């Protein structure tokens, strides 16, 4: 076999590209460090220690690597309008400045005035920077929140769920949480958003995988709606009802007994062929009690995801002061995107947050009486199977 012509030339060319790429990355890294030096001095004064990564991570609750990735996602959109946002001294906000302001607003939940004073800018600038970031993330980050698109991905999710407490063929866990709002009594929509605990709230319904990553969300519905009503109004319900979702490979539990794909949820949801809820009642049989324990240990992943979402993005943890009810669902959506990005980036900062499943303190458990007969039979067989009582 003769020599491959042009091989040495290509190698030289590749080497130049590689060197250029490394130089570019190094230059960007230095520029980023220089940006943080300057930005931290704006916040803490000239005595601020140089390149203090701990301070950075305390301020934004994410790593520098994740921050850079998020900036790269929204770069094109934010730079297009860069010149119109300035600090109080008239200096334009850079890309990193805009991302920093928006992330601080979303993660701290502090007022526009408080952040503006801390960062040296007018509160209206904080508002504009945050909203531009939200709009850009909606467009550029949506690929981080999607239903599994391949069989291999779904198999991995099923295997991880089964490792929790033995529930096979489980594809997700569903739960809802309330985002508190302070509304004017004169607001015509005030009564609509008044929930069963007498709070003004907006609902977020989320389906998560075993890694606490959001796979499907619905938000914007008023707090007075039940979990059952929100689910039945969702596109996810319609897709499942038409057999276009949770319609993958079935698992054989015993001869003549198959288990389809499903998700798990608490007793606020209806028992459906593709949504398994726990048994209700106090005097349950041994195998039903055991199933409920396994079921809770599996579905708690959704509670933990929502608790972490609110802990990390505190703009939706407290009480939103007279929010724009058209913008709030979009803010919630972007917080969910950021939650997923942190998981996808394997950001170590997420390990610093407490692992809790309390995200709706003060709310009583809803109970839905809707039971599908086919689903009830299926749940019985699944209960017997996971407790080793189902005949072969």
Foldseek 3Di string as FASTA:
>chain_A
DDDDPCPVVVVVVVVVVVVVVVVVVVVVVVVVQVVCLVQVCLQVNNVDDGSPQVVVCVQQLFHPVLLVVLLVLLVVQCVVVFQVADFPVNHTQDSSSLSSLLSNCQQVLDQLPVSNVSRRHDSVSSVVSNVSSLVSCVPRLCVLAAADDDPVVQVVLQVLLCVQQRQGLERWAKDKFWQFADADPPPPCQVQQQAPLRTRTKMKIFIATSLLATHDIDILHHRNDFPAVRCCPDPVNVCVVVCNPQVDDWDDLDVPFIQTHAHEYEQSYEQDSRYHYADDDDDDDPLSVVVNVSRCSSNLSNLQSLQLLCNRRVSRQDYPYNDDSVCVVSSSVSSSSSSSSCVVVVTPSSVVDDRDSDRHPPDDDHHDPHYDPVSVVNVVQSSCRSVVNHDD
